[in-house]
Protein backbone atom coordinates (compact mmCIF):
# COMPACT_ATOMS: atom_id res chain seq x y z
CA MET A 1 65.62 32.92 10.62
CA SER A 2 67.97 30.36 12.15
CA GLU A 3 67.17 28.97 15.56
CA ALA A 4 70.15 29.52 18.07
CA GLN A 5 70.73 26.77 20.54
CA PRO A 6 71.10 28.50 24.17
CA VAL A 7 74.31 27.93 25.68
CA THR A 8 74.46 26.28 29.22
CA ALA A 9 76.37 27.68 31.97
CA THR A 10 79.21 24.59 31.69
CA GLU A 11 79.67 25.17 28.00
CA SER A 12 81.51 27.99 26.22
CA THR A 13 80.74 28.91 22.64
CA THR A 14 82.98 26.00 21.32
CA GLY A 15 81.03 23.36 23.65
CA GLN A 16 84.09 22.84 26.06
CA VAL A 17 83.54 22.56 29.68
CA ARG A 18 85.97 24.33 31.96
CA THR A 19 87.79 21.93 34.25
CA LYS A 20 90.68 22.25 36.68
CA VAL A 21 92.75 19.80 38.76
CA GLY A 22 93.42 20.45 42.49
CA PHE A 23 93.43 19.04 45.90
CA VAL A 24 90.72 18.61 48.49
CA GLU A 25 91.55 20.69 51.44
CA SER A 26 88.43 20.28 53.60
CA ASP A 27 85.68 17.57 53.56
CA ALA A 28 83.88 18.50 56.72
CA ARG A 29 80.69 19.54 55.04
CA ASP A 30 78.19 16.96 53.51
CA LYS A 31 78.13 17.05 49.58
CA SER A 32 80.55 19.96 49.58
CA ARG A 33 84.43 20.18 49.46
CA LYS A 34 86.97 22.93 49.59
CA VAL A 35 89.47 22.45 46.59
CA VAL A 36 92.68 24.07 46.27
CA VAL A 37 94.12 24.83 42.76
CA ARG A 38 97.82 25.79 42.85
CA TYR A 39 99.66 27.63 40.02
CA VAL A 40 102.64 29.79 39.56
CA ALA A 41 102.36 33.20 37.91
CA LYS A 42 104.92 35.75 36.83
CA HIS A 43 105.13 38.99 38.77
CA PRO A 44 104.04 41.89 36.48
CA LYS A 45 106.84 44.21 37.91
CA TYR A 46 109.66 41.96 39.05
CA GLY A 47 109.37 39.04 36.77
CA LYS A 48 109.94 36.52 39.51
CA TYR A 49 107.31 33.63 39.54
CA VAL A 50 105.33 33.36 42.68
CA ARG A 51 103.04 30.53 43.80
CA ARG A 52 99.32 31.55 43.93
CA ARG A 53 96.24 29.38 44.61
CA THR A 54 92.66 29.49 43.91
CA VAL A 55 89.96 28.06 46.36
CA LEU A 56 86.93 26.48 45.07
CA GLN A 57 83.76 25.36 46.63
CA VAL A 58 82.85 22.05 44.73
CA HIS A 59 79.68 19.93 44.99
CA ASP A 60 80.36 16.36 45.70
CA GLU A 61 77.04 14.50 45.47
CA GLN A 62 78.33 11.05 46.49
CA ASN A 63 80.62 12.28 49.28
CA GLU A 64 83.44 10.19 47.51
CA SER A 65 86.51 12.53 47.88
CA LYS A 66 88.31 12.77 51.05
CA LEU A 67 90.90 15.30 52.37
CA GLY A 68 94.01 15.15 50.46
CA ASP A 69 92.73 13.49 47.33
CA ARG A 70 93.53 14.91 43.91
CA VAL A 71 90.33 15.68 41.90
CA GLU A 72 89.12 17.09 38.71
CA VAL A 73 86.27 19.66 38.89
CA ALA A 74 84.18 21.21 36.25
CA GLU A 75 82.20 24.51 36.25
CA CYS A 76 78.58 24.22 36.43
CA ARG A 77 75.34 26.30 37.22
CA PRO A 78 75.37 28.03 40.59
CA ILE A 79 74.39 25.55 43.22
CA SER A 80 74.49 28.03 46.14
CA LYS A 81 75.97 31.30 46.90
CA THR A 82 79.58 30.13 46.78
CA LYS A 83 79.27 26.79 44.91
CA SER A 84 79.49 26.91 41.12
CA TRP A 85 81.71 23.60 40.56
CA THR A 86 81.11 20.12 40.71
CA LEU A 87 83.43 17.10 41.09
CA VAL A 88 84.07 15.15 38.07
CA ARG A 89 86.15 12.31 39.28
CA VAL A 90 88.91 11.56 42.04
CA LEU A 91 92.12 11.29 40.07
CA GLU A 92 94.29 10.16 43.06
CA ARG A 93 93.47 9.10 46.48
CA ALA A 94 95.53 10.46 49.34
CA ALA A 95 98.03 8.17 51.10
CA GLY A 96 95.93 7.69 54.18
CA ASN A 97 92.59 6.97 52.46
């Protein structure tokens, strides 16, 4: 019998970690950020492209991101009831930071 390696929560069967890029909408909490990922999707009936957004609760251990920053986040194990994403890096600082 072959021993199968367990797949962690951040890795799929191909070993890829799911990442998304978004903007920090709130930095009021300690070690937590609200990140908004915006995208466009085609309406199923009318065919028009509509703007959509996904709001992610992100763990930021070092409190390095600030309001308005463009950040990259990765999926991880559940840290709390709503947090299952963690900050990878700050891609672009906001104008005021």
